[in-house]
Amino acid sequence: MEQNETRVAVIAIIVEKQESVSELNSILSEHRDQIIGRMGLPYHKKGINCITVVIDADQDEINSLCGRIGRLDGVSSKAAFSNV
């Protein structure tokens, strides 16, 4: 893969602490130009939010974003990459 080539990925995010939502939104806003779409679903029974973000960016940028999100208190994230 060439250095400037981008990949499409889906980042799955679980938010267990609502206090982290503002910081999460701020981080995602920094990457708004690369984000294709975003969907959030509250799961009231467990008191959590499930968010999916589809992004087209450099693999290092996606990994960095996923890592920043996962370091937020009460937030976890994982990325799944396309092969193209």
PDB file of N, CA and C in Angstrom:
ATOM      1  N   MET A   1       0.841  -1.180   0.000  1.00  0.00           N
ATOM      2  CA  MET A   1       0.000   0.000   0.000  1.00  0.00           C
ATOM      3  C   MET A   1       0.887   1.244   0.000  1.00  0.00           C
ATOM      4  N   GLU A   2       0.579   2.213  -0.856  1.00  0.00           N
ATOM      5  CA  GLU A   2       1.335   3.447  -0.916  1.00  0.00           C
ATOM      6  C   GLU A   2       1.098   4.265   0.340  1.00  0.00           C
ATOM      7  N   GLN A   3       2.047   5.124   0.674  1.00  0.00           N
ATOM      8  CA  GLN A   3       1.985   5.875   1.925  1.00  0.00           C
ATOM      9  C   GLN A   3       0.758   6.783   2.004  1.00  0.00           C
ATOM     10  N   ASN A   4       0.344   7.413   0.901  1.00  0.00           N
ATOM     11  CA  ASN A   4      -0.778   8.352   0.921  1.00  0.00           C
ATOM     12  C   ASN A   4      -2.119   7.689   0.655  1.00  0.00           C
ATOM     13  N   GLU A   5      -2.134   6.384   0.488  1.00  0.00           N
ATOM     14  CA  GLU A   5      -3.361   5.666   0.197  1.00  0.00           C
ATOM     15  C   GLU A   5      -4.246   5.603   1.440  1.00  0.00           C
ATOM     16  N   THR A   6      -5.543   5.768   1.225  1.00  0.00           N
ATOM     17  CA  THR A   6      -6.473   5.703   2.350  1.00  0.00           C
ATOM     18  C   THR A   6      -7.199   4.367   2.351  1.00  0.00           C
ATOM     19  N   ARG A   7      -7.779   4.049   3.485  1.00  0.00           N
ATOM     20  CA  ARG A   7      -8.570   2.826   3.624  1.00  0.00           C
ATOM     21  C   ARG A   7      -9.887   3.180   4.295  1.00  0.00           C
ATOM     22  N   VAL A   8     -10.876   2.379   4.028  1.00  0.00           N
ATOM     23  CA  VAL A   8     -12.167   2.540   4.693  1.00  0.00           C
ATOM     24  C   VAL A   8     -12.173   1.613   5.903  1.00  0.00           C
ATOM     25  N   ALA A   9     -12.641   2.142   7.012  1.00  0.00           N
ATOM     26  CA  ALA A   9     -12.725   1.350   8.240  1.00  0.00           C
ATOM     27  C   ALA A   9     -14.012   1.690   8.972  1.00  0.00           C
ATOM     28  N   VAL A  10     -14.431   0.752   9.794  1.00  0.00           N
ATOM     29  CA  VAL A  10     -15.556   0.979  10.701  1.00  0.00           C
ATOM     30  C   VAL A  10     -14.990   0.950  12.112  1.00  0.00           C
ATOM     31  N   ILE A  11     -15.256   2.001  12.863  1.00  0.00           N
ATOM     32  CA  ILE A  11     -14.822   2.058  14.251  1.00  0.00           C
ATOM     33  C   ILE A  11     -16.059   1.839  15.122  1.00  0.00           C
ATOM     34  N   ALA A  12     -16.011   0.792  15.929  1.00  0.00           N
ATOM     35  CA  ALA A  12     -17.099   0.498  16.875  1.00  0.00           C
ATOM     36  C   ALA A  12     -16.722   1.112  18.212  1.00  0.00           C
ATOM     37  N   ILE A  13     -17.644   1.866  18.789  1.00  0.00           N
ATOM     38  CA  ILE A  13     -17.389   2.579  20.042  1.00  0.00           C
ATOM     39  C   ILE A  13     -18.493   2.247  21.042  1.00  0.00           C
ATOM     40  N   ILE A  14     -18.101   1.900  22.263  1.00  0.00           N
ATOM     41  CA  ILE A  14     -19.044   1.681  23.355  1.00  0.00           C
ATOM     42  C   ILE A  14     -18.770   2.747  24.410  1.00  0.00           C
ATOM     43  N   VAL A  15     -19.792   3.511  24.755  1.00  0.00           N
ATOM     44  CA  VAL A  15     -19.662   4.565  25.761  1.00  0.00           C
ATOM     45  C   VAL A  15     -20.415   4.129  27.013  1.00  0.00           C
ATOM     46  N   GLU A  16     -19.672   3.916  28.091  1.00  0.00           N
ATOM     47  CA  GLU A  16     -20.273   3.513  29.357  1.00  0.00           C
ATOM     48  C   GLU A  16     -20.379   4.668  30.345  1.00  0.00           C
ATOM     49  N   LYS A  17     -19.615   5.731  30.136  1.00  0.00           N
ATOM     50  CA  LYS A  17     -19.657   6.902  31.015  1.00  0.00           C
ATOM     51  C   LYS A  17     -20.055   8.120  30.195  1.00  0.00           C
ATOM     52  N   GLN A  18     -21.245   8.634  30.467  1.00  0.00           N
ATOM     53  CA  GLN A  18     -21.776   9.763  29.704  1.00  0.00           C
ATOM     54  C   GLN A  18     -20.897  11.004  29.822  1.00  0.00           C
ATOM     55  N   GLU A  19     -20.109  11.100  30.890  1.00  0.00           N
ATOM     56  CA  GLU A  19     -19.238  12.258  31.083  1.00  0.00           C
ATOM     57  C   GLU A  19     -18.193  12.382  29.972  1.00  0.00           C
ATOM     58  N   SER A  20     -17.942  11.308  29.249  1.00  0.00           N
ATOM     59  CA  SER A  20     -16.924  11.312  28.193  1.00  0.00           C
ATOM     60  C   SER A  20     -17.485  11.668  26.818  1.00  0.00           C
ATOM     61  N   VAL A  21     -18.791  11.832  26.702  1.00  0.00           N
ATOM     62  CA  VAL A  21     -19.412  12.068  25.396  1.00  0.00           C
ATOM     63  C   VAL A  21     -18.936  13.375  24.766  1.00  0.00           C
ATOM     64  N   SER A  22     -18.821  14.426  25.546  1.00  0.00           N
ATOM     65  CA  SER A  22     -18.392  15.716  25.002  1.00  0.00           C
ATOM     66  C   SER A  22     -16.993  15.628  24.406  1.00  0.00           C
ATOM     67  N   GLU A  23     -16.077  14.996  25.121  1.00  0.00           N
ATOM     68  CA  GLU A  23     -14.707  14.850  24.619  1.00  0.00           C
ATOM     69  C   GLU A  23     -14.677  13.937  23.390  1.00  0.00           C
ATOM     70  N   LEU A  24     -15.491  12.876  23.396  1.00  0.00           N
ATOM     71  CA  LEU A  24     -15.588  11.994  22.232  1.00  0.00           C
ATOM     72  C   LEU A  24     -16.056  12.772  21.010  1.00  0.00           C
ATOM     73  N   ASN A  25     -17.097  13.569  21.165  1.00  0.00           N
ATOM     74  CA  ASN A  25     -17.610  14.361  20.042  1.00  0.00           C
ATOM     75  C   ASN A  25     -16.571  15.350  19.536  1.00  0.00           C
ATOM     76  N   SER A  26     -15.790  15.911  20.437  1.00  0.00           N
ATOM     77  CA  SER A  26     -14.729  16.833  20.045  1.00  0.00           C
ATOM     78  C   SER A  26     -13.669  16.125  19.205  1.00  0.00           C
ATOM     79  N   ILE A  27     -13.276  14.927  19.627  1.00  0.00           N
ATOM     80  CA  ILE A  27     -12.280  14.148  18.876  1.00  0.00           C
ATOM     81  C   ILE A  27     -12.818  13.795  17.489  1.00  0.00           C
ATOM     82  N   LEU A  28     -14.056  13.334  17.430  1.00  0.00           N
ATOM     83  CA  LEU A  28     -14.645  12.973  16.136  1.00  0.00           C
ATOM     84  C   LEU A  28     -14.772  14.193  15.228  1.00  0.00           C
ATOM     85  N   SER A  29     -15.074  15.340  15.811  1.00  0.00           N
ATOM     86  CA  SER A  29     -15.193  16.570  15.031  1.00  0.00           C
ATOM     87  C   SER A  29     -13.881  16.940  14.348  1.00  0.00           C
ATOM     88  N   GLU A  30     -12.758  16.640  14.992  1.00  0.00           N
ATOM     89  CA  GLU A  30     -11.451  16.911  14.399  1.00  0.00           C
ATOM     90  C   GLU A  30     -11.238  16.113  13.107  1.00  0.00           C
ATOM     91  N   HIS A  31     -11.958  15.007  12.946  1.00  0.00           N
ATOM     92  CA  HIS A  31     -11.796  14.113  11.792  1.00  0.00           C
ATOM     93  C   HIS A  31     -13.016  14.145  10.873  1.00  0.00           C
ATOM     94  N   ARG A  32     -13.808  15.192  10.981  1.00  0.00           N
ATOM     95  CA  ARG A  32     -15.073  15.257  10.221  1.00  0.00           C
ATOM     96  C   ARG A  32     -14.875  15.167   8.710  1.00  0.00           C
ATOM     97  N   ASP A  33     -13.730  15.623   8.200  1.00  0.00           N
ATOM     98  CA  ASP A  33     -13.500  15.579   6.758  1.00  0.00           C
ATOM     99  C   ASP A  33     -13.253  14.162   6.248  1.00  0.00           C
ATOM    100  N   GLN A  34     -12.839  13.254   7.130  1.00  0.00           N
ATOM    101  CA  GLN A  34     -12.593  11.872   6.741  1.00  0.00           C
ATOM    102  C   GLN A  34     -13.762  10.944   7.080  1.00  0.00           C
ATOM    103  N   ILE A  35     -14.680  11.416   7.922  1.00  0.00           N
ATOM    104  CA  ILE A  35     -15.792  10.570   8.350  1.00  0.00           C
ATOM    105  C   ILE A  35     -16.861  10.516   7.264  1.00  0.00           C
ATOM    106  N   ILE A  36     -17.203   9.295   6.859  1.00  0.00           N
ATOM    107  CA  ILE A  36     -18.233   9.070   5.842  1.00  0.00           C
ATOM    108  C   ILE A  36     -19.616   9.126   6.483  1.00  0.00           C
ATOM    109  N   GLY A  37     -19.740   8.490   7.639  1.00  0.00           N
ATOM    110  CA  GLY A  37     -21.023   8.458   8.331  1.00  0.00           C
ATOM    111  C   GLY A  37     -20.858   7.990   9.764  1.00  0.00           C
ATOM    112  N   ARG A  38     -21.905   8.244  10.533  1.00  0.00           N
ATOM    113  CA  ARG A  38     -21.867   7.921  11.962  1.00  0.00           C
ATOM    114  C   ARG A  38     -23.274   7.567  12.407  1.00  0.00           C
ATOM    115  N   MET A  39     -23.370   6.529  13.246  1.00  0.00           N
ATOM    116  CA  MET A  39     -24.671   6.140  13.775  1.00  0.00           C
ATOM    117  C   MET A  39     -24.509   5.818  15.260  1.00  0.00           C
ATOM    118  N   GLY A  40     -25.379   6.364  16.061  1.00  0.00           N
ATOM    119  CA  GLY A  40     -25.342   6.094  17.488  1.00  0.00           C
ATOM    120  C   GLY A  40     -26.666   5.521  17.969  1.00  0.00           C
ATOM    121  N   LEU A  41     -26.569   4.515  18.820  1.00  0.00           N
ATOM    122  CA  LEU A  41     -27.757   3.881  19.369  1.00  0.00           C
ATOM    123  C   LEU A  41     -27.651   3.811  20.887  1.00  0.00           C
ATOM    124  N   PRO A  42     -28.566   4.457  21.588  1.00  0.00           N
ATOM    125  CA  PRO A  42     -28.562   4.308  23.041  1.00  0.00           C
ATOM    126  C   PRO A  42     -29.162   2.957  23.416  1.00  0.00           C
ATOM    127  N   TYR A  43     -28.571   2.309  24.389  1.00  0.00           N
ATOM    128  CA  TYR A  43     -29.115   1.060  24.902  1.00  0.00           C
ATOM    129  C   TYR A  43     -29.466   1.308  26.369  1.00  0.00           C
ATOM    130  N   HIS A  44     -30.695   1.771  26.564  1.00  0.00           N
ATOM    131  CA  HIS A  44     -31.141   2.215  27.885  1.00  0.00           C
ATOM    132  C   HIS A  44     -31.112   1.108  28.929  1.00  0.00           C
ATOM    133  N   LYS A  45     -31.382  -0.110  28.521  1.00  0.00           N
ATOM    134  CA  LYS A  45     -31.409  -1.228  29.464  1.00  0.00           C
ATOM    135  C   LYS A  45     -30.069  -1.384  30.187  1.00  0.00           C
ATOM    136  N   LYS A  46     -28.962  -1.141  29.476  1.00  0.00           N
ATOM    137  CA  LYS A  46     -27.620  -1.272  30.055  1.00  0.00           C
ATOM    138  C   LYS A  46     -27.001   0.082  30.400  1.00  0.00           C
ATOM    139  N   GLY A  47     -27.659   1.173  30.007  1.00  0.00           N
ATOM    140  CA  GLY A  47     -27.131   2.506  30.292  1.00  0.00           C
ATOM    141  C   GLY A  47     -25.882   2.852  29.499  1.00  0.00           C
ATOM    142  N   ILE A  48     -25.795   2.338  28.268  1.00  0.00           N
ATOM    143  CA  ILE A  48     -24.631   2.599  27.414  1.00  0.00           C
ATOM    144  C   ILE A  48     -25.083   3.145  26.066  1.00  0.00           C
ATOM    145  N   ASN A  49     -24.132   3.634  25.304  1.00  0.00           N
ATOM    146  CA  ASN A  49     -24.370   4.049  23.928  1.00  0.00           C
ATOM    147  C   ASN A  49     -23.428   3.282  23.017  1.00  0.00           C
ATOM    148  N   CYS A  50     -23.957   2.823  21.894  1.00  0.00           N
ATOM    149  CA  CYS A  50     -23.169   2.104  20.889  1.00  0.00           C
ATOM    150  C   CYS A  50     -23.093   3.005  19.655  1.00  0.00           C
ATOM    151  N   ILE A  51     -21.876   3.278  19.218  1.00  0.00           N
ATOM    152  CA  ILE A  51     -21.664   4.189  18.094  1.00  0.00           C
ATOM    153  C   ILE A  51     -20.804   3.494  17.050  1.00  0.00           C
ATOM    154  N   THR A  52     -21.185   3.654  15.787  1.00  0.00           N
ATOM    155  CA  THR A  52     -20.339   3.192  14.689  1.00  0.00           C
ATOM    156  C   THR A  52     -19.950   4.405  13.854  1.00  0.00           C
ATOM    157  N   VAL A  53     -18.694   4.454  13.473  1.00  0.00           N
ATOM    158  CA  VAL A  53     -18.175   5.530  12.638  1.00  0.00           C
ATOM    159  C   VAL A  53     -17.506   4.881  11.433  1.00  0.00           C
ATOM    160  N   VAL A  54     -17.905   5.289  10.239  1.00  0.00           N
ATOM    161  CA  VAL A  54     -17.272   4.813   9.009  1.00  0.00           C
ATOM    162  C   VAL A  54     -16.360   5.936   8.527  1.00  0.00           C
ATOM    163  N   ILE A  55     -15.105   5.591   8.283  1.00  0.00           N
ATOM    164  CA  ILE A  55     -14.101   6.606   7.978  1.00  0.00           C
ATOM    165  C   ILE A  55     -13.238   6.173   6.800  1.00  0.00           C
ATOM    166  N   ASP A  56     -12.811   7.133   5.994  1.00  0.00           N
ATOM    167  CA  ASP A  56     -11.889   6.904   4.878  1.00  0.00           C
ATOM    168  C   ASP A  56     -10.669   7.779   5.145  1.00  0.00           C
ATOM    169  N   ALA A  57      -9.595   7.154   5.612  1.00  0.00           N
ATOM    170  CA  ALA A  57      -8.400   7.905   5.998  1.00  0.00           C
ATOM    171  C   ALA A  57      -7.179   7.001   5.908  1.00  0.00           C
ATOM    172  N   ASP A  58      -6.027   7.586   6.108  1.00  0.00           N
ATOM    173  CA  ASP A  58      -4.779   6.844   6.189  1.00  0.00           C
ATOM    174  C   ASP A  58      -4.859   5.866   7.363  1.00  0.00           C
ATOM    175  N   GLN A  59      -4.304   4.683   7.203  1.00  0.00           N
ATOM    176  CA  GLN A  59      -4.394   3.661   8.248  1.00  0.00           C
ATOM    177  C   GLN A  59      -3.817   4.147   9.578  1.00  0.00           C
ATOM    178  N   ASP A  60      -2.719   4.865   9.541  1.00  0.00           N
ATOM    179  CA  ASP A  60      -2.132   5.383  10.777  1.00  0.00           C
ATOM    180  C   ASP A  60      -3.072   6.369  11.471  1.00  0.00           C
ATOM    181  N   GLU A  61      -3.760   7.192  10.679  1.00  0.00           N
ATOM    182  CA  GLU A  61      -4.703   8.151  11.246  1.00  0.00           C
ATOM    183  C   GLU A  61      -5.881   7.432  11.900  1.00  0.00           C
ATOM    184  N   ILE A  62      -6.367   6.378  11.261  1.00  0.00           N
ATOM    185  CA  ILE A  62      -7.475   5.602  11.829  1.00  0.00           C
ATOM    186  C   ILE A  62      -7.038   4.947  13.135  1.00  0.00           C
ATOM    187  N   ASN A  63      -5.854   4.349  13.129  1.00  0.00           N
ATOM    188  CA  ASN A  63      -5.347   3.715  14.351  1.00  0.00           C
ATOM    189  C   ASN A  63      -5.173   4.728  15.471  1.00  0.00           C
ATOM    190  N   SER A  64      -4.652   5.899  15.136  1.00  0.00           N
ATOM    191  CA  SER A  64      -4.464   6.956  16.124  1.00  0.00           C
ATOM    192  C   SER A  64      -5.810   7.415  16.695  1.00  0.00           C
ATOM    193  N   LEU A  65      -6.782   7.616  15.817  1.00  0.00           N
ATOM    194  CA  LEU A  65      -8.113   8.029  16.257  1.00  0.00           C
ATOM    195  C   LEU A  65      -8.730   6.983  17.171  1.00  0.00           C
ATOM    196  N   CYS A  66      -8.659   5.728  16.772  1.00  0.00           N
ATOM    197  CA  CYS A  66      -9.220   4.636  17.573  1.00  0.00           C
ATOM    198  C   CYS A  66      -8.541   4.578  18.945  1.00  0.00           C
ATOM    199  N   GLY A  67      -7.241   4.775  18.974  1.00  0.00           N
ATOM    200  CA  GLY A  67      -6.507   4.770  20.233  1.00  0.00           C
ATOM    201  C   GLY A  67      -6.898   5.927  21.136  1.00  0.00           C
ATOM    202  N   ARG A  68      -7.036   7.123  20.569  1.00  0.00           N
ATOM    203  CA  ARG A  68      -7.456   8.287  21.364  1.00  0.00           C
ATOM    204  C   ARG A  68      -8.833   8.065  21.968  1.00  0.00           C
ATOM    205  N   ILE A  69      -9.733   7.517  21.171  1.00  0.00           N
ATOM    206  CA  ILE A  69     -11.093   7.258  21.660  1.00  0.00           C
ATOM    207  C   ILE A  69     -11.044   6.239  22.789  1.00  0.00           C
ATOM    208  N   GLY A  70     -10.284   5.178  22.604  1.00  0.00           N
ATOM    209  CA  GLY A  70     -10.210   4.110  23.595  1.00  0.00           C
ATOM    210  C   GLY A  70      -9.565   4.527  24.907  1.00  0.00           C
ATOM    211  N   ARG A  71      -8.811   5.628  24.901  1.00  0.00           N
ATOM    212  CA  ARG A  71      -8.197   6.120  26.138  1.00  0.00           C
ATOM    213  C   ARG A  71      -9.135   7.006  26.956  1.00  0.00           C
ATOM    214  N   LEU A  72     -10.286   7.358  26.397  1.00  0.00           N
ATOM    215  CA  LEU A  72     -11.256   8.147  27.168  1.00  0.00           C
ATOM    216  C   LEU A  72     -11.827   7.283  28.290  1.00  0.00           C
ATOM    217  N   ASP A  73     -12.103   7.904  29.417  1.00  0.00           N
ATOM    218  CA  ASP A  73     -12.638   7.191  30.570  1.00  0.00           C
ATOM    219  C   ASP A  73     -14.022   6.615  30.247  1.00  0.00           C
ATOM    220  N   GLY A  74     -14.174   5.311  30.410  1.00  0.00           N
ATOM    221  CA  GLY A  74     -15.465   4.667  30.186  1.00  0.00           C
ATOM    222  C   GLY A  74     -15.838   4.473  28.734  1.00  0.00           C
ATOM    223  N   VAL A  75     -14.846   4.533  27.844  1.00  0.00           N
ATOM    224  CA  VAL A  75     -15.095   4.379  26.410  1.00  0.00           C
ATOM    225  C   VAL A  75     -14.151   3.309  25.872  1.00  0.00           C
ATOM    226  N   SER A  76     -14.670   2.425  25.021  1.00  0.00           N
ATOM    227  CA  SER A  76     -13.822   1.445  24.351  1.00  0.00           C
ATOM    228  C   SER A  76     -14.076   1.513  22.852  1.00  0.00           C
ATOM    229  N   SER A  77     -13.069   1.153  22.063  1.00  0.00           N
ATOM    230  CA  SER A  77     -13.201   1.224  20.611  1.00  0.00           C
ATOM    231  C   SER A  77     -12.353   0.161  19.933  1.00  0.00           C
ATOM    232  N   LYS A  78     -12.822  -0.267  18.783  1.00  0.00           N
ATOM    233  CA  LYS A  78     -12.106  -1.222  17.930  1.00  0.00           C
ATOM    234  C   LYS A  78     -12.369  -0.829  16.484  1.00  0.00           C
ATOM    235  N   ALA A  79     -11.383  -1.064  15.634  1.00  0.00           N
ATOM    236  CA  ALA A  79     -11.528  -0.750  14.211  1.00  0.00           C
ATOM    237  C   ALA A  79     -11.454  -2.018  13.379  1.00  0.00           C
ATOM    238  N   ALA A  80     -12.269  -2.061  12.338  1.00  0.00           N
ATOM    239  CA  ALA A  80     -12.219  -3.125  11.337  1.00  0.00           C
ATOM    240  C   ALA A  80     -11.965  -2.448   9.989  1.00  0.00           C
ATOM    241  N   PHE A  81     -10.940  -2.915   9.262  1.00  0.00           N
ATOM    242  CA  PHE A  81     -10.504  -2.284   8.020  1.00  0.00           C
ATOM    243  C   PHE A  81     -10.972  -3.052   6.791  1.00  0.00           C
ATOM    244  N   SER A  82     -11.258  -2.301   5.726  1.00  0.00           N
ATOM    245  CA  SER A  82     -11.495  -2.910   4.420  1.00  0.00           C
ATOM    246  C   SER A  82     -10.147  -3.281   3.817  1.00  0.00           C
ATOM    247  N   ASN A  83     -10.163  -4.111   2.822  1.00  0.00           N
ATOM    248  CA  ASN A  83      -8.934  -4.499   2.130  1.00  0.00           C
ATOM    249  C   ASN A  83      -8.639  -3.591   0.933  1.00  0.00           C
ATOM    250  N   VAL A  84      -9.526  -2.646   0.669  1.00  0.00           N
ATOM    251  CA  VAL A  84      -9.321  -1.728  -0.478  1.00  0.00           C
ATOM    252  C   VAL A  84      -9.204  -0.298  -0.025  1.00  0.00           C
TER     253      VAL A  84
END
